[in-house]
N, C-alpha and C. Protein backbone atom coordinates (compact mmCIF):
# COMPACT_ATOMS: atom_id res chain seq x y z
N MET A 1 46.70 -14.22 -89.99
CA MET A 1 47.55 -14.28 -88.83
C MET A 1 47.81 -15.73 -88.48
N SER A 2 48.89 -15.92 -87.74
CA SER A 2 49.26 -17.27 -87.38
C SER A 2 49.94 -17.29 -86.02
N ARG A 3 50.10 -18.46 -85.52
CA ARG A 3 50.82 -18.66 -84.26
C ARG A 3 52.25 -18.14 -84.37
N GLU A 4 52.87 -18.34 -85.52
CA GLU A 4 54.24 -17.89 -85.72
C GLU A 4 54.35 -16.37 -85.60
N THR A 5 53.36 -15.66 -86.14
CA THR A 5 53.36 -14.20 -86.04
C THR A 5 53.23 -13.76 -84.59
N VAL A 6 52.31 -14.38 -83.87
CA VAL A 6 52.13 -14.06 -82.45
C VAL A 6 53.42 -14.35 -81.69
N ASP A 7 54.02 -15.50 -81.94
CA ASP A 7 55.26 -15.85 -81.26
C ASP A 7 56.36 -14.84 -81.54
N SER A 8 56.47 -14.38 -82.78
CA SER A 8 57.53 -13.41 -83.11
C SER A 8 57.27 -12.06 -82.45
N ILE A 9 56.02 -11.64 -82.36
CA ILE A 9 55.68 -10.38 -81.68
C ILE A 9 56.04 -10.49 -80.21
N CYS A 10 55.64 -11.58 -79.58
CA CYS A 10 55.89 -11.77 -78.14
C CYS A 10 57.38 -11.91 -77.83
N ALA A 11 58.09 -12.66 -78.65
CA ALA A 11 59.51 -12.92 -78.41
C ALA A 11 60.34 -11.64 -78.45
N ALA A 12 59.88 -10.63 -79.16
CA ALA A 12 60.62 -9.38 -79.30
C ALA A 12 60.48 -8.47 -78.07
N LEU A 13 59.59 -8.80 -77.16
CA LEU A 13 59.35 -7.95 -75.99
C LEU A 13 60.34 -8.27 -74.88
N PRO A 14 60.94 -7.24 -74.26
CA PRO A 14 61.96 -7.45 -73.23
C PRO A 14 61.44 -8.29 -72.05
N GLY A 15 62.19 -9.32 -71.72
CA GLY A 15 61.85 -10.16 -70.57
C GLY A 15 60.79 -11.21 -70.85
N ALA A 16 60.24 -11.23 -72.06
CA ALA A 16 59.19 -12.19 -72.38
C ALA A 16 59.79 -13.57 -72.58
N HIS A 17 59.09 -14.58 -72.07
CA HIS A 17 59.52 -15.96 -72.29
C HIS A 17 58.31 -16.85 -72.50
N TRP A 18 58.52 -17.90 -73.24
CA TRP A 18 57.47 -18.83 -73.61
C TRP A 18 57.41 -19.94 -72.58
N ALA A 19 56.20 -20.28 -72.15
CA ALA A 19 56.01 -21.36 -71.18
C ALA A 19 55.03 -22.36 -71.78
N SER A 20 55.52 -23.55 -72.06
CA SER A 20 54.68 -24.59 -72.62
C SER A 20 54.24 -25.54 -71.53
N HIS A 21 53.01 -25.92 -71.59
CA HIS A 21 52.48 -26.90 -70.63
C HIS A 21 52.36 -28.21 -71.37
N HIS A 22 53.24 -29.11 -71.07
CA HIS A 22 53.36 -30.37 -71.81
C HIS A 22 52.20 -31.32 -71.58
N ASP A 23 51.27 -30.96 -70.70
CA ASP A 23 50.13 -31.83 -70.45
C ASP A 23 49.00 -31.62 -71.45
N GLY A 24 49.28 -30.88 -72.53
CA GLY A 24 48.26 -30.64 -73.54
C GLY A 24 47.43 -29.41 -73.25
N GLY A 25 47.82 -28.64 -72.25
CA GLY A 25 47.08 -27.45 -71.89
C GLY A 25 47.48 -26.24 -72.72
N LEU A 26 47.55 -25.13 -72.07
CA LEU A 26 47.81 -23.85 -72.73
C LEU A 26 49.30 -23.59 -72.90
N ASP A 27 49.62 -22.92 -73.99
CA ASP A 27 50.95 -22.37 -74.18
C ASP A 27 50.84 -20.88 -73.91
N ALA A 28 51.76 -20.34 -73.15
CA ALA A 28 51.64 -18.95 -72.74
C ALA A 28 52.95 -18.20 -72.92
N TRP A 29 52.82 -16.92 -73.18
CA TRP A 29 53.94 -16.00 -73.13
C TRP A 29 53.83 -15.26 -71.82
N LYS A 30 54.94 -15.20 -71.10
CA LYS A 30 54.95 -14.59 -69.77
C LYS A 30 56.05 -13.54 -69.66
N ILE A 31 55.85 -12.67 -68.70
CA ILE A 31 56.89 -11.76 -68.25
C ILE A 31 56.94 -11.95 -66.74
N GLY A 32 58.12 -12.23 -66.23
CA GLY A 32 58.19 -12.68 -64.83
C GLY A 32 57.41 -13.98 -64.75
N ASP A 33 56.54 -14.09 -63.78
CA ASP A 33 55.73 -15.30 -63.68
C ASP A 33 54.28 -15.04 -64.10
N LYS A 34 54.04 -13.92 -64.78
CA LYS A 34 52.68 -13.55 -65.16
C LYS A 34 52.47 -13.65 -66.67
N MET A 35 51.36 -14.22 -67.03
CA MET A 35 51.02 -14.43 -68.43
C MET A 35 50.47 -13.15 -69.06
N PHE A 36 50.90 -12.87 -70.30
CA PHE A 36 50.33 -11.73 -71.03
C PHE A 36 49.72 -12.15 -72.37
N ALA A 37 50.01 -13.35 -72.84
CA ALA A 37 49.41 -13.87 -74.07
C ALA A 37 49.31 -15.39 -73.94
N CYS A 38 48.21 -15.94 -74.40
CA CYS A 38 47.98 -17.37 -74.23
C CYS A 38 47.36 -17.95 -75.50
N ILE A 39 47.88 -19.08 -75.93
CA ILE A 39 47.34 -19.77 -77.10
C ILE A 39 46.86 -21.14 -76.64
N GLY A 40 45.60 -21.43 -76.88
CA GLY A 40 45.01 -22.68 -76.42
C GLY A 40 45.25 -23.84 -77.35
N MET A 41 44.65 -24.96 -77.00
CA MET A 41 44.84 -26.20 -77.76
C MET A 41 44.34 -26.09 -79.19
N ALA A 42 43.32 -25.30 -79.44
CA ALA A 42 42.77 -25.17 -80.79
C ALA A 42 43.75 -24.44 -81.73
N ASN A 43 44.67 -23.66 -81.15
CA ASN A 43 45.70 -22.97 -81.92
C ASN A 43 45.10 -22.08 -83.02
N ASP A 44 44.01 -21.40 -82.70
CA ASP A 44 43.34 -20.57 -83.69
C ASP A 44 43.11 -19.13 -83.23
N GLY A 45 43.81 -18.73 -82.17
CA GLY A 45 43.69 -17.38 -81.66
C GLY A 45 44.57 -17.19 -80.45
N VAL A 46 44.65 -15.96 -79.98
CA VAL A 46 45.46 -15.65 -78.81
C VAL A 46 44.60 -14.88 -77.81
N SER A 47 44.74 -15.22 -76.54
CA SER A 47 44.03 -14.51 -75.48
C SER A 47 44.99 -13.51 -74.86
N VAL A 48 44.49 -12.29 -74.64
CA VAL A 48 45.32 -11.21 -74.09
C VAL A 48 44.54 -10.43 -73.04
N LYS A 49 45.27 -9.76 -72.17
CA LYS A 49 44.67 -8.97 -71.10
C LYS A 49 44.35 -7.56 -71.60
N CYS A 50 43.22 -7.05 -71.15
CA CYS A 50 42.83 -5.66 -71.42
C CYS A 50 42.98 -4.85 -70.13
N ALA A 51 42.93 -3.56 -70.25
CA ALA A 51 43.09 -2.68 -69.09
C ALA A 51 42.01 -2.92 -68.04
N ASP A 52 40.81 -3.26 -68.50
CA ASP A 52 39.70 -3.47 -67.58
C ASP A 52 38.59 -4.24 -68.28
N VAL A 53 37.58 -4.60 -67.52
CA VAL A 53 36.44 -5.36 -68.05
C VAL A 53 35.70 -4.56 -69.11
N GLU A 54 35.59 -3.25 -68.92
CA GLU A 54 34.87 -2.41 -69.88
C GLU A 54 35.55 -2.40 -71.24
N THR A 55 36.86 -2.32 -71.25
CA THR A 55 37.60 -2.36 -72.52
C THR A 55 37.41 -3.70 -73.21
N ALA A 56 37.50 -4.77 -72.44
CA ALA A 56 37.29 -6.11 -73.01
C ALA A 56 35.89 -6.22 -73.61
N GLN A 57 34.90 -5.76 -72.88
CA GLN A 57 33.51 -5.83 -73.36
C GLN A 57 33.34 -5.00 -74.63
N PHE A 58 33.96 -3.84 -74.68
CA PHE A 58 33.89 -2.99 -75.87
C PHE A 58 34.48 -3.71 -77.09
N LEU A 59 35.65 -4.31 -76.93
CA LEU A 59 36.29 -5.03 -78.03
C LEU A 59 35.42 -6.19 -78.51
N ILE A 60 34.75 -6.85 -77.59
CA ILE A 60 33.84 -7.94 -77.95
C ILE A 60 32.64 -7.38 -78.71
N GLU A 61 32.07 -6.29 -78.21
CA GLU A 61 30.89 -5.70 -78.84
C GLU A 61 31.15 -5.20 -80.26
N ILE A 62 32.34 -4.67 -80.52
CA ILE A 62 32.62 -4.16 -81.87
C ILE A 62 33.15 -5.25 -82.80
N GLY A 63 33.30 -6.46 -82.28
CA GLY A 63 33.74 -7.57 -83.11
C GLY A 63 35.24 -7.69 -83.28
N ALA A 64 36.00 -6.94 -82.49
CA ALA A 64 37.46 -7.00 -82.59
C ALA A 64 38.04 -8.16 -81.80
N ALA A 65 37.23 -8.76 -80.92
CA ALA A 65 37.69 -9.87 -80.09
C ALA A 65 36.48 -10.69 -79.65
N GLN A 66 36.78 -11.79 -79.00
CA GLN A 66 35.75 -12.67 -78.45
C GLN A 66 36.00 -12.85 -76.96
N LYS A 67 34.99 -13.35 -76.26
CA LYS A 67 35.15 -13.67 -74.85
C LYS A 67 36.21 -14.76 -74.73
N ALA A 68 37.14 -14.59 -73.82
CA ALA A 68 38.18 -15.59 -73.58
C ALA A 68 37.65 -16.57 -72.53
N LYS A 69 37.27 -17.75 -72.97
CA LYS A 69 36.72 -18.75 -72.05
C LYS A 69 37.72 -19.07 -70.96
N TYR A 70 37.20 -19.24 -69.75
CA TYR A 70 37.98 -19.66 -68.58
C TYR A 70 38.92 -18.58 -68.04
N PHE A 71 38.91 -17.40 -68.64
CA PHE A 71 39.75 -16.30 -68.16
C PHE A 71 38.88 -15.26 -67.46
N HIS A 72 39.52 -14.41 -66.69
CA HIS A 72 38.83 -13.28 -66.09
C HIS A 72 38.21 -12.44 -67.20
N ARG A 73 37.17 -11.70 -66.90
CA ARG A 73 36.45 -10.91 -67.91
C ARG A 73 37.29 -9.78 -68.51
N SER A 74 38.45 -9.49 -67.93
CA SER A 74 39.33 -8.46 -68.51
C SER A 74 40.22 -9.02 -69.60
N TRP A 75 40.06 -10.30 -69.92
CA TRP A 75 40.81 -10.94 -71.00
C TRP A 75 39.89 -11.15 -72.20
N VAL A 76 40.46 -11.06 -73.40
CA VAL A 76 39.72 -11.35 -74.64
C VAL A 76 40.53 -12.31 -75.49
N ARG A 77 39.84 -12.95 -76.40
CA ARG A 77 40.48 -13.85 -77.36
C ARG A 77 40.40 -13.20 -78.73
N VAL A 78 41.54 -13.08 -79.39
CA VAL A 78 41.59 -12.51 -80.74
C VAL A 78 41.86 -13.67 -81.70
N PRO A 79 40.85 -14.03 -82.51
CA PRO A 79 41.03 -15.15 -83.44
C PRO A 79 42.03 -14.81 -84.53
N PHE A 80 42.73 -15.83 -85.03
CA PHE A 80 43.72 -15.62 -86.08
C PHE A 80 43.10 -15.20 -87.40
N ASP A 81 41.90 -15.63 -87.69
CA ASP A 81 41.30 -15.35 -89.00
C ASP A 81 40.87 -13.90 -89.15
N GLY A 82 41.25 -13.32 -90.26
CA GLY A 82 40.77 -12.00 -90.65
C GLY A 82 41.36 -10.81 -89.93
N LYS A 83 42.38 -10.97 -89.14
CA LYS A 83 42.97 -9.84 -88.42
C LYS A 83 44.31 -9.46 -89.05
N ALA A 84 44.57 -8.17 -89.08
CA ALA A 84 45.84 -7.67 -89.60
C ALA A 84 46.92 -7.79 -88.52
N ALA A 85 48.16 -7.87 -88.94
CA ALA A 85 49.28 -7.98 -88.01
C ALA A 85 49.31 -6.81 -87.02
N ASP A 86 48.95 -5.62 -87.48
CA ASP A 86 48.95 -4.46 -86.59
C ASP A 86 47.96 -4.61 -85.44
N GLU A 87 46.80 -5.22 -85.72
CA GLU A 87 45.82 -5.45 -84.65
C GLU A 87 46.38 -6.38 -83.59
N PHE A 88 47.02 -7.46 -84.04
CA PHE A 88 47.62 -8.39 -83.10
C PHE A 88 48.73 -7.72 -82.30
N ARG A 89 49.58 -7.00 -82.99
CA ARG A 89 50.70 -6.33 -82.33
C ARG A 89 50.17 -5.36 -81.27
N ASP A 90 49.15 -4.60 -81.59
CA ASP A 90 48.59 -3.64 -80.64
C ASP A 90 48.01 -4.34 -79.42
N ARG A 91 47.23 -5.37 -79.62
CA ARG A 91 46.62 -6.10 -78.50
C ARG A 91 47.68 -6.76 -77.63
N ILE A 92 48.67 -7.38 -78.26
CA ILE A 92 49.73 -8.06 -77.50
C ILE A 92 50.58 -7.04 -76.74
N HIS A 93 50.94 -5.94 -77.38
CA HIS A 93 51.74 -4.92 -76.72
C HIS A 93 50.98 -4.30 -75.55
N THR A 94 49.68 -4.08 -75.72
CA THR A 94 48.87 -3.54 -74.63
C THR A 94 48.83 -4.50 -73.46
N SER A 95 48.59 -5.78 -73.74
CA SER A 95 48.55 -6.80 -72.69
C SER A 95 49.89 -6.86 -71.96
N TYR A 96 50.97 -6.88 -72.72
CA TYR A 96 52.32 -6.92 -72.15
C TYR A 96 52.53 -5.71 -71.21
N ALA A 97 52.16 -4.52 -71.66
CA ALA A 97 52.37 -3.31 -70.86
C ALA A 97 51.57 -3.37 -69.56
N ILE A 98 50.34 -3.87 -69.62
CA ILE A 98 49.50 -3.98 -68.43
C ILE A 98 50.14 -4.94 -67.43
N VAL A 99 50.55 -6.09 -67.92
CA VAL A 99 51.13 -7.10 -67.04
C VAL A 99 52.49 -6.65 -66.51
N ARG A 100 53.30 -6.06 -67.37
CA ARG A 100 54.61 -5.56 -66.95
C ARG A 100 54.46 -4.54 -65.83
N ALA A 101 53.50 -3.64 -65.96
CA ALA A 101 53.28 -2.60 -64.95
C ALA A 101 52.81 -3.18 -63.62
N SER A 102 52.25 -4.40 -63.64
CA SER A 102 51.77 -5.02 -62.40
C SER A 102 52.86 -5.80 -61.67
N LEU A 103 54.02 -5.95 -62.30
CA LEU A 103 55.12 -6.67 -61.67
C LEU A 103 55.72 -5.83 -60.55
N PRO A 104 56.37 -6.47 -59.58
CA PRO A 104 57.05 -5.70 -58.53
C PRO A 104 58.07 -4.73 -59.15
N LYS A 105 58.19 -3.56 -58.58
CA LYS A 105 59.08 -2.52 -59.10
C LYS A 105 60.52 -3.02 -59.22
N LYS A 106 60.94 -3.84 -58.30
CA LYS A 106 62.30 -4.37 -58.33
C LYS A 106 62.52 -5.21 -59.59
N LEU A 107 61.53 -6.03 -59.95
CA LEU A 107 61.63 -6.84 -61.17
C LEU A 107 61.54 -5.95 -62.41
N GLN A 108 60.63 -4.98 -62.38
CA GLN A 108 60.50 -4.07 -63.52
C GLN A 108 61.82 -3.37 -63.82
N ALA A 109 62.56 -3.02 -62.77
CA ALA A 109 63.82 -2.30 -62.94
C ALA A 109 64.88 -3.15 -63.63
N THR A 110 64.75 -4.47 -63.59
CA THR A 110 65.74 -5.34 -64.23
C THR A 110 65.46 -5.57 -65.72
N LEU A 111 64.30 -5.14 -66.17
CA LEU A 111 63.90 -5.37 -67.56
C LEU A 111 64.41 -4.26 -68.47
N ALA A 112 64.85 -4.66 -69.64
CA ALA A 112 65.28 -3.66 -70.63
C ALA A 112 64.08 -2.81 -71.06
N PRO A 113 64.32 -1.56 -71.42
CA PRO A 113 63.21 -0.76 -71.92
C PRO A 113 62.70 -1.31 -73.24
N ARG A 114 61.45 -1.03 -73.54
CA ARG A 114 60.88 -1.48 -74.81
C ARG A 114 61.48 -0.68 -75.94
N ASN A 115 61.51 -1.27 -77.13
CA ASN A 115 62.09 -0.62 -78.31
C ASN A 115 61.34 0.64 -78.71
N ASP A 116 60.06 0.74 -78.34
CA ASP A 116 59.26 1.90 -78.73
C ASP A 116 59.37 3.04 -77.72
N GLY A 117 60.27 2.89 -76.73
CA GLY A 117 60.46 3.94 -75.74
C GLY A 117 59.59 3.80 -74.52
N SER A 118 58.65 2.86 -74.51
CA SER A 118 57.81 2.65 -73.35
C SER A 118 58.61 1.97 -72.26
N ALA A 119 58.18 2.19 -71.04
CA ALA A 119 58.86 1.55 -69.89
C ALA A 119 58.53 0.09 -69.81
């Protein structure tokens, strides 16, 4: 996996936009003003939101993800090494759906539906 793959997955999601922090900090994919995927300075993985702390802990315990430093415990970091594109796509799409659902209904209504039929 690579940054380019993550960027292409994120860019295909309705309303998603890339936000770069030119101060050397994090690069993030956002919907509205909320982040759903984040790539740090090391550029070796992506941090994504999980439905809850328990899901994040489960993914960490089974080795599918790592603790996302400096993020809330409901976020995990998925390293680029050794993961299939489908795993990344699933984690990113899940994070996007969670964050999209948390946006104000008025903003949600302006977003195009997802290609997979999800709201």
